[in-house]
Amino acid sequence: MDQFRSHKNLMVWQKSIVFAGKVYAATRALPSDEQATLGDELRRGAVMIASKISEGHARKRRGSFLQCLEQASSAASELETQLMIAVEQSCLPNSGLTKDLEEIATLLDSLIRSVSTARQLAHAKACAPSRPARSTAS
């Protein structure tokens, strides 16, 4: 995590913020009977993705960061299902939100793999047997 000074430097966080704005704009066009149900769910899911990324980063531990990234990934998957239903029911047009979400999901998966690998390497290094110091006396 040292390479990321702030969650704001993460491309996946940046894209999820833009995506949340698009979801808010799209849900304003929902039929009035869907505003309070589907609209709220879509907005909550979009906000959850960015929020979990920033929360995990703020915890400053790889394990916690990884857990929050997995929660963000789960939120993206749930949101994808809700978007598909909204489009299928003609509540929302197929406006590219699904494609944007797929890109975010791909970036999240890549970041999860990266953090997980770094965590495994750090664990292996910490558990490696220490080598005795070499004697410099001749």
N, C-alpha and C. Protein backbone atom coordinates (compact mmCIF):
# COMPACT_ATOMS: atom_id res chain seq x y z
N MET A 1 0.81 -1.20 0.00
CA MET A 1 0.00 0.00 0.00
C MET A 1 0.85 1.26 0.00
N ASP A 2 2.13 1.09 0.27
CA ASP A 2 3.00 2.26 0.34
C ASP A 2 3.03 3.06 -0.96
N GLN A 3 2.82 2.38 -2.10
CA GLN A 3 2.88 3.08 -3.37
C GLN A 3 1.67 3.98 -3.59
N PHE A 4 0.63 3.82 -2.77
CA PHE A 4 -0.58 4.63 -2.90
C PHE A 4 -0.67 5.59 -1.72
N ARG A 5 -0.25 6.81 -1.90
CA ARG A 5 -0.29 7.78 -0.80
C ARG A 5 -1.71 8.11 -0.39
N SER A 6 -2.61 8.08 -1.35
CA SER A 6 -4.01 8.42 -1.11
C SER A 6 -4.90 7.58 -2.00
N HIS A 7 -6.07 7.27 -1.51
CA HIS A 7 -7.04 6.55 -2.35
C HIS A 7 -7.39 7.36 -3.59
N LYS A 8 -7.23 8.67 -3.50
CA LYS A 8 -7.55 9.55 -4.63
C LYS A 8 -6.61 9.33 -5.81
N ASN A 9 -5.45 8.70 -5.57
CA ASN A 9 -4.51 8.39 -6.65
C ASN A 9 -4.87 7.11 -7.39
N LEU A 10 -5.80 6.34 -6.85
CA LEU A 10 -6.18 5.08 -7.47
C LEU A 10 -7.16 5.33 -8.62
N MET A 11 -6.82 4.83 -9.79
CA MET A 11 -7.67 5.04 -10.96
C MET A 11 -9.06 4.44 -10.73
N VAL A 12 -9.13 3.31 -10.05
CA VAL A 12 -10.42 2.67 -9.82
C VAL A 12 -11.31 3.56 -8.95
N TRP A 13 -10.72 4.25 -7.98
CA TRP A 13 -11.50 5.17 -7.14
C TRP A 13 -11.98 6.35 -7.98
N GLN A 14 -11.09 6.91 -8.79
CA GLN A 14 -11.44 8.05 -9.63
C GLN A 14 -12.59 7.69 -10.57
N LYS A 15 -12.49 6.53 -11.21
CA LYS A 15 -13.54 6.10 -12.14
C LYS A 15 -14.84 5.80 -11.41
N SER A 16 -14.74 5.30 -10.18
CA SER A 16 -15.97 5.00 -9.43
C SER A 16 -16.68 6.28 -8.99
N ILE A 17 -15.94 7.35 -8.76
CA ILE A 17 -16.56 8.64 -8.44
C ILE A 17 -17.32 9.18 -9.66
N VAL A 18 -16.68 9.12 -10.82
CA VAL A 18 -17.34 9.57 -12.05
C VAL A 18 -18.57 8.71 -12.31
N PHE A 19 -18.42 7.40 -12.12
CA PHE A 19 -19.53 6.48 -12.33
C PHE A 19 -20.70 6.80 -11.40
N ALA A 20 -20.42 7.08 -10.14
CA ALA A 20 -21.49 7.42 -9.20
C ALA A 20 -22.26 8.65 -9.68
N GLY A 21 -21.55 9.62 -10.21
CA GLY A 21 -22.22 10.81 -10.77
C GLY A 21 -23.14 10.45 -11.92
N LYS A 22 -22.69 9.54 -12.78
CA LYS A 22 -23.52 9.10 -13.90
C LYS A 22 -24.76 8.35 -13.42
N VAL A 23 -24.59 7.54 -12.38
CA VAL A 23 -25.73 6.80 -11.82
C VAL A 23 -26.74 7.78 -11.24
N TYR A 24 -26.26 8.78 -10.50
CA TYR A 24 -27.18 9.79 -9.95
C TYR A 24 -27.95 10.48 -11.07
N ALA A 25 -27.25 10.85 -12.14
CA ALA A 25 -27.92 11.52 -13.26
C ALA A 25 -28.93 10.60 -13.92
N ALA A 26 -28.57 9.35 -14.12
CA ALA A 26 -29.47 8.40 -14.78
C ALA A 26 -30.71 8.11 -13.94
N THR A 27 -30.54 8.02 -12.64
CA THR A 27 -31.68 7.67 -11.78
C THR A 27 -32.67 8.83 -11.62
N ARG A 28 -32.25 10.02 -11.95
CA ARG A 28 -33.20 11.15 -11.93
C ARG A 28 -34.29 10.96 -12.98
N ALA A 29 -33.98 10.17 -14.01
CA ALA A 29 -34.94 9.93 -15.10
C ALA A 29 -35.82 8.71 -14.86
N LEU A 30 -35.64 8.05 -13.72
CA LEU A 30 -36.48 6.88 -13.42
C LEU A 30 -37.94 7.29 -13.25
N PRO A 31 -38.86 6.40 -13.57
CA PRO A 31 -40.27 6.69 -13.28
C PRO A 31 -40.44 6.97 -11.78
N SER A 32 -41.39 7.80 -11.46
CA SER A 32 -41.58 8.22 -10.06
C SER A 32 -41.80 7.05 -9.11
N ASP A 33 -42.44 6.00 -9.57
CA ASP A 33 -42.68 4.86 -8.68
C ASP A 33 -41.40 4.04 -8.44
N GLU A 34 -40.33 4.30 -9.18
CA GLU A 34 -39.07 3.60 -8.98
C GLU A 34 -38.00 4.46 -8.30
N GLN A 35 -38.27 5.75 -8.14
CA GLN A 35 -37.29 6.65 -7.54
C GLN A 35 -36.85 6.19 -6.15
N ALA A 36 -37.81 5.87 -5.30
CA ALA A 36 -37.49 5.55 -3.91
C ALA A 36 -37.00 4.12 -3.73
N THR A 37 -37.23 3.25 -4.67
CA THR A 37 -36.80 1.86 -4.50
C THR A 37 -35.56 1.59 -5.33
N LEU A 38 -35.75 1.40 -6.62
CA LEU A 38 -34.64 1.08 -7.50
C LEU A 38 -33.62 2.22 -7.55
N GLY A 39 -34.10 3.44 -7.61
CA GLY A 39 -33.18 4.59 -7.65
C GLY A 39 -32.27 4.63 -6.45
N ASP A 40 -32.85 4.45 -5.26
CA ASP A 40 -32.03 4.46 -4.03
C ASP A 40 -31.03 3.32 -4.02
N GLU A 41 -31.44 2.14 -4.48
CA GLU A 41 -30.54 0.99 -4.50
C GLU A 41 -29.37 1.22 -5.46
N LEU A 42 -29.66 1.74 -6.63
CA LEU A 42 -28.61 2.02 -7.61
C LEU A 42 -27.63 3.05 -7.08
N ARG A 43 -28.15 4.10 -6.49
CA ARG A 43 -27.28 5.15 -5.93
C ARG A 43 -26.43 4.61 -4.79
N ARG A 44 -27.05 3.87 -3.92
CA ARG A 44 -26.33 3.31 -2.77
C ARG A 44 -25.20 2.40 -3.23
N GLY A 45 -25.48 1.57 -4.23
CA GLY A 45 -24.45 0.67 -4.75
C GLY A 45 -23.29 1.42 -5.37
N ALA A 46 -23.60 2.45 -6.14
CA ALA A 46 -22.54 3.24 -6.78
C ALA A 46 -21.68 3.96 -5.74
N VAL A 47 -22.32 4.50 -4.73
CA VAL A 47 -21.58 5.19 -3.66
C VAL A 47 -20.74 4.19 -2.86
N MET A 48 -21.27 2.99 -2.67
CA MET A 48 -20.57 1.96 -1.89
C MET A 48 -19.22 1.60 -2.49
N ILE A 49 -19.16 1.53 -3.80
CA ILE A 49 -17.90 1.14 -4.46
C ILE A 49 -16.78 2.11 -4.09
N ALA A 50 -17.00 3.39 -4.34
CA ALA A 50 -15.97 4.39 -4.02
C ALA A 50 -15.71 4.46 -2.52
N SER A 51 -16.76 4.35 -1.74
CA SER A 51 -16.62 4.47 -0.29
C SER A 51 -15.78 3.34 0.30
N LYS A 52 -15.98 2.13 -0.17
CA LYS A 52 -15.23 0.99 0.36
C LYS A 52 -13.76 1.06 -0.03
N ILE A 53 -13.48 1.57 -1.22
CA ILE A 53 -12.08 1.74 -1.63
C ILE A 53 -11.39 2.72 -0.70
N SER A 54 -12.03 3.86 -0.44
CA SER A 54 -11.41 4.86 0.42
C SER A 54 -11.34 4.39 1.87
N GLU A 55 -12.36 3.70 2.34
CA GLU A 55 -12.34 3.18 3.72
C GLU A 55 -11.19 2.20 3.90
N GLY A 56 -11.06 1.27 2.98
CA GLY A 56 -9.99 0.27 3.09
C GLY A 56 -8.61 0.91 3.08
N HIS A 57 -8.43 1.88 2.21
CA HIS A 57 -7.13 2.56 2.15
C HIS A 57 -6.83 3.28 3.46
N ALA A 58 -7.84 3.87 4.04
CA ALA A 58 -7.65 4.64 5.28
C ALA A 58 -7.25 3.76 6.46
N ARG A 59 -7.56 2.49 6.39
CA ARG A 59 -7.23 1.57 7.49
C ARG A 59 -5.75 1.26 7.58
N LYS A 60 -5.01 1.51 6.51
CA LYS A 60 -3.55 1.41 6.48
C LYS A 60 -2.99 0.00 6.65
N ARG A 61 -3.83 -1.02 6.52
CA ARG A 61 -3.35 -2.40 6.62
C ARG A 61 -3.80 -3.16 5.38
N ARG A 62 -2.89 -3.95 4.84
CA ARG A 62 -3.20 -4.68 3.60
C ARG A 62 -4.43 -5.56 3.76
N GLY A 63 -4.53 -6.26 4.86
CA GLY A 63 -5.66 -7.15 5.07
C GLY A 63 -6.98 -6.41 5.09
N SER A 64 -7.02 -5.29 5.77
CA SER A 64 -8.23 -4.48 5.82
C SER A 64 -8.55 -3.87 4.46
N PHE A 65 -7.51 -3.42 3.78
CA PHE A 65 -7.69 -2.85 2.45
C PHE A 65 -8.27 -3.91 1.51
N LEU A 66 -7.70 -5.10 1.57
CA LEU A 66 -8.17 -6.20 0.73
C LEU A 66 -9.63 -6.53 1.02
N GLN A 67 -9.99 -6.59 2.28
CA GLN A 67 -11.37 -6.88 2.67
C GLN A 67 -12.33 -5.82 2.09
N CYS A 68 -11.97 -4.56 2.21
CA CYS A 68 -12.83 -3.49 1.69
C CYS A 68 -12.89 -3.51 0.16
N LEU A 69 -11.78 -3.86 -0.49
CA LEU A 69 -11.80 -3.97 -1.95
C LEU A 69 -12.73 -5.10 -2.38
N GLU A 70 -12.74 -6.19 -1.64
CA GLU A 70 -13.65 -7.29 -1.95
C GLU A 70 -15.10 -6.87 -1.74
N GLN A 71 -15.35 -6.05 -0.73
CA GLN A 71 -16.71 -5.53 -0.51
C GLN A 71 -17.11 -4.60 -1.65
N ALA A 72 -16.17 -3.80 -2.13
CA ALA A 72 -16.45 -2.92 -3.28
C ALA A 72 -16.76 -3.76 -4.51
N SER A 73 -16.03 -4.84 -4.69
CA SER A 73 -16.26 -5.74 -5.82
C SER A 73 -17.64 -6.39 -5.72
N SER A 74 -18.02 -6.79 -4.52
CA SER A 74 -19.36 -7.36 -4.31
C SER A 74 -20.44 -6.33 -4.62
N ALA A 75 -20.22 -5.09 -4.19
CA ALA A 75 -21.19 -4.02 -4.47
C ALA A 75 -21.31 -3.81 -5.97
N ALA A 76 -20.19 -3.90 -6.69
CA ALA A 76 -20.23 -3.73 -8.15
C ALA A 76 -21.03 -4.85 -8.81
N SER A 77 -20.86 -6.05 -8.31
CA SER A 77 -21.60 -7.18 -8.86
C SER A 77 -23.10 -7.04 -8.61
N GLU A 78 -23.44 -6.64 -7.41
CA GLU A 78 -24.85 -6.42 -7.07
C GLU A 78 -25.44 -5.30 -7.93
N LEU A 79 -24.68 -4.24 -8.09
CA LEU A 79 -25.13 -3.10 -8.89
C LEU A 79 -25.32 -3.49 -10.36
N GLU A 80 -24.44 -4.35 -10.85
CA GLU A 80 -24.58 -4.82 -12.23
C GLU A 80 -25.93 -5.52 -12.43
N THR A 81 -26.30 -6.34 -11.46
CA THR A 81 -27.58 -7.05 -11.53
C THR A 81 -28.74 -6.06 -11.53
N GLN A 82 -28.68 -5.07 -10.66
CA GLN A 82 -29.75 -4.08 -10.58
C GLN A 82 -29.86 -3.26 -11.87
N LEU A 83 -28.71 -2.92 -12.45
CA LEU A 83 -28.72 -2.18 -13.72
C LEU A 83 -29.34 -3.02 -14.84
N MET A 84 -28.98 -4.29 -14.87
CA MET A 84 -29.54 -5.18 -15.90
C MET A 84 -31.06 -5.26 -15.77
N ILE A 85 -31.55 -5.35 -14.55
CA ILE A 85 -32.99 -5.40 -14.32
C ILE A 85 -33.64 -4.09 -14.75
N ALA A 86 -33.02 -2.97 -14.37
CA ALA A 86 -33.58 -1.66 -14.71
C ALA A 86 -33.65 -1.47 -16.22
N VAL A 87 -32.63 -1.91 -16.94
CA VAL A 87 -32.63 -1.80 -18.40
C VAL A 87 -33.67 -2.75 -18.99
N GLU A 88 -33.70 -3.98 -18.51
CA GLU A 88 -34.66 -4.98 -19.01
C GLU A 88 -36.11 -4.53 -18.82
N GLN A 89 -36.37 -3.84 -17.72
CA GLN A 89 -37.73 -3.38 -17.42
C GLN A 89 -38.03 -2.00 -18.04
N SER A 90 -37.09 -1.52 -18.84
CA SER A 90 -37.22 -0.23 -19.53
C SER A 90 -37.34 0.94 -18.55
N CYS A 91 -36.78 0.77 -17.37
CA CYS A 91 -36.75 1.87 -16.40
C CYS A 91 -35.59 2.81 -16.71
N LEU A 92 -34.51 2.26 -17.24
CA LEU A 92 -33.33 3.03 -17.62
C LEU A 92 -32.93 2.65 -19.04
N PRO A 93 -32.42 3.61 -19.81
CA PRO A 93 -31.90 3.26 -21.12
C PRO A 93 -30.55 2.56 -20.96
N ASN A 94 -30.16 1.79 -21.93
CA ASN A 94 -28.84 1.16 -21.90
C ASN A 94 -27.83 2.23 -22.29
N SER A 95 -27.42 3.01 -21.31
CA SER A 95 -26.65 4.24 -21.56
C SER A 95 -25.14 4.08 -21.40
N GLY A 96 -24.65 2.89 -21.32
CA GLY A 96 -23.21 2.70 -21.14
C GLY A 96 -22.81 2.52 -19.69
N LEU A 97 -23.76 2.59 -18.78
CA LEU A 97 -23.42 2.40 -17.37
C LEU A 97 -22.85 1.02 -17.11
N THR A 98 -23.41 0.02 -17.79
CA THR A 98 -22.94 -1.35 -17.60
C THR A 98 -21.49 -1.48 -18.05
N LYS A 99 -21.16 -0.86 -19.17
CA LYS A 99 -19.78 -0.91 -19.67
C LYS A 99 -18.83 -0.21 -18.69
N ASP A 100 -19.23 0.94 -18.18
CA ASP A 100 -18.41 1.64 -17.19
C ASP A 100 -18.21 0.78 -15.95
N LEU A 101 -19.26 0.13 -15.52
CA LEU A 101 -19.18 -0.72 -14.34
C LEU A 101 -18.27 -1.92 -14.58
N GLU A 102 -18.32 -2.49 -15.78
CA GLU A 102 -17.43 -3.60 -16.11
C GLU A 102 -15.97 -3.18 -16.02
N GLU A 103 -15.67 -1.97 -16.47
CA GLU A 103 -14.30 -1.45 -16.39
C GLU A 103 -13.88 -1.30 -14.93
N ILE A 104 -14.76 -0.78 -14.11
CA ILE A 104 -14.46 -0.62 -12.68
C ILE A 104 -14.23 -1.99 -12.04
N ALA A 105 -15.08 -2.95 -12.38
CA ALA A 105 -14.93 -4.30 -11.82
C ALA A 105 -13.60 -4.92 -12.22
N THR A 106 -13.19 -4.71 -13.45
CA THR A 106 -11.90 -5.23 -13.92
C THR A 106 -10.75 -4.58 -13.16
N LEU A 107 -10.82 -3.27 -12.99
CA LEU A 107 -9.78 -2.56 -12.23
C LEU A 107 -9.75 -3.03 -10.77
N LEU A 108 -10.92 -3.23 -10.19
CA LEU A 108 -10.98 -3.73 -8.81
C LEU A 108 -10.34 -5.10 -8.70
N ASP A 109 -10.69 -6.00 -9.63
CA ASP A 109 -10.10 -7.34 -9.61
C ASP A 109 -8.59 -7.29 -9.72
N SER A 110 -8.09 -6.43 -10.57
CA SER A 110 -6.65 -6.28 -10.74
C SER A 110 -6.00 -5.75 -9.47
N LEU A 111 -6.63 -4.77 -8.84
CA LEU A 111 -6.09 -4.21 -7.59
C LEU A 111 -6.15 -5.25 -6.47
N ILE A 112 -7.22 -6.01 -6.41
CA ILE A 112 -7.33 -7.07 -5.40
C ILE A 112 -6.19 -8.08 -5.57
N ARG A 113 -5.93 -8.49 -6.80
CA ARG A 113 -4.82 -9.43 -7.05
C ARG A 113 -3.49 -8.82 -6.64
N SER A 114 -3.29 -7.57 -6.96
CA SER A 114 -2.03 -6.89 -6.62
C SER A 114 -1.84 -6.80 -5.11
N VAL A 115 -2.86 -6.39 -4.40
CA VAL A 115 -2.77 -6.25 -2.94
C VAL A 115 -2.61 -7.63 -2.30
N SER A 116 -3.32 -8.61 -2.82
CA SER A 116 -3.24 -9.97 -2.29
C SER A 116 -1.84 -10.54 -2.47
N THR A 117 -1.26 -10.35 -3.66
CA THR A 117 0.09 -10.83 -3.93
C THR A 117 1.10 -10.13 -3.02
N ALA A 118 0.96 -8.83 -2.87
CA ALA A 118 1.86 -8.08 -1.99
C ALA A 118 1.75 -8.57 -0.55
N ARG A 119 0.53 -8.89 -0.15
CA ARG A 119 0.30 -9.39 1.21
C ARG A 119 0.98 -10.74 1.39
N GLN A 120 0.86 -11.62 0.40
CA GLN A 120 1.49 -12.94 0.48
C GLN A 120 3.01 -12.82 0.51
N LEU A 121 3.56 -11.92 -0.29
CA LEU A 121 5.01 -11.72 -0.30
C LEU A 121 5.51 -11.17 1.03
N ALA A 122 4.75 -10.24 1.60
CA ALA A 122 5.13 -9.68 2.90
C ALA A 122 5.07 -10.75 3.98
N HIS A 123 4.07 -11.61 3.91
CA HIS A 123 3.95 -12.70 4.89
C HIS A 123 5.11 -13.68 4.74
N ALA A 124 5.42 -14.04 3.50
CA ALA A 124 6.52 -14.97 3.26
C ALA A 124 7.84 -14.39 3.75
N LYS A 125 8.05 -13.12 3.52
CA LYS A 125 9.28 -12.47 3.97
C LYS A 125 9.35 -12.46 5.50
N ALA A 126 8.22 -12.18 6.14
CA ALA A 126 8.20 -12.13 7.60
C ALA A 126 8.42 -13.50 8.22
N CYS A 127 8.00 -14.55 7.53
CA CYS A 127 8.11 -15.91 8.07
C CYS A 127 9.38 -16.62 7.65
N ALA A 128 10.15 -16.01 6.76
CA ALA A 128 11.38 -16.65 6.30
C ALA A 128 12.37 -16.75 7.45
N PRO A 129 13.08 -17.89 7.52
CA PRO A 129 14.07 -18.03 8.60
C PRO A 129 15.15 -16.97 8.45
N SER A 130 15.53 -16.44 9.56
CA SER A 130 16.56 -15.40 9.50
C SER A 130 17.92 -16.07 9.35
N ARG A 131 18.77 -15.42 8.62
CA ARG A 131 20.12 -15.94 8.39
C ARG A 131 21.04 -15.40 9.48
N PRO A 132 21.91 -16.24 9.99
CA PRO A 132 22.85 -15.73 10.98
C PRO A 132 23.79 -14.72 10.35
N ALA A 133 24.20 -13.77 11.14
CA ALA A 133 25.10 -12.73 10.65
C ALA A 133 26.45 -13.36 10.32
N ARG A 134 27.03 -12.89 9.25
CA ARG A 134 28.35 -13.40 8.84
C ARG A 134 29.43 -12.80 9.70
N SER A 135 30.35 -13.59 10.02
CA SER A 135 31.49 -13.12 10.81
C SER A 135 32.50 -12.49 9.88
N THR A 136 33.00 -11.34 10.24
CA THR A 136 34.00 -10.66 9.40
C THR A 136 35.41 -10.91 9.90
N ALA A 137 35.52 -11.63 11.01
CA ALA A 137 36.85 -11.91 11.55
C ALA A 137 37.51 -13.01 10.75
N SER A 138 38.82 -12.87 10.49
CA SER A 138 39.55 -13.89 9.72
C SER A 138 40.43 -14.70 10.60
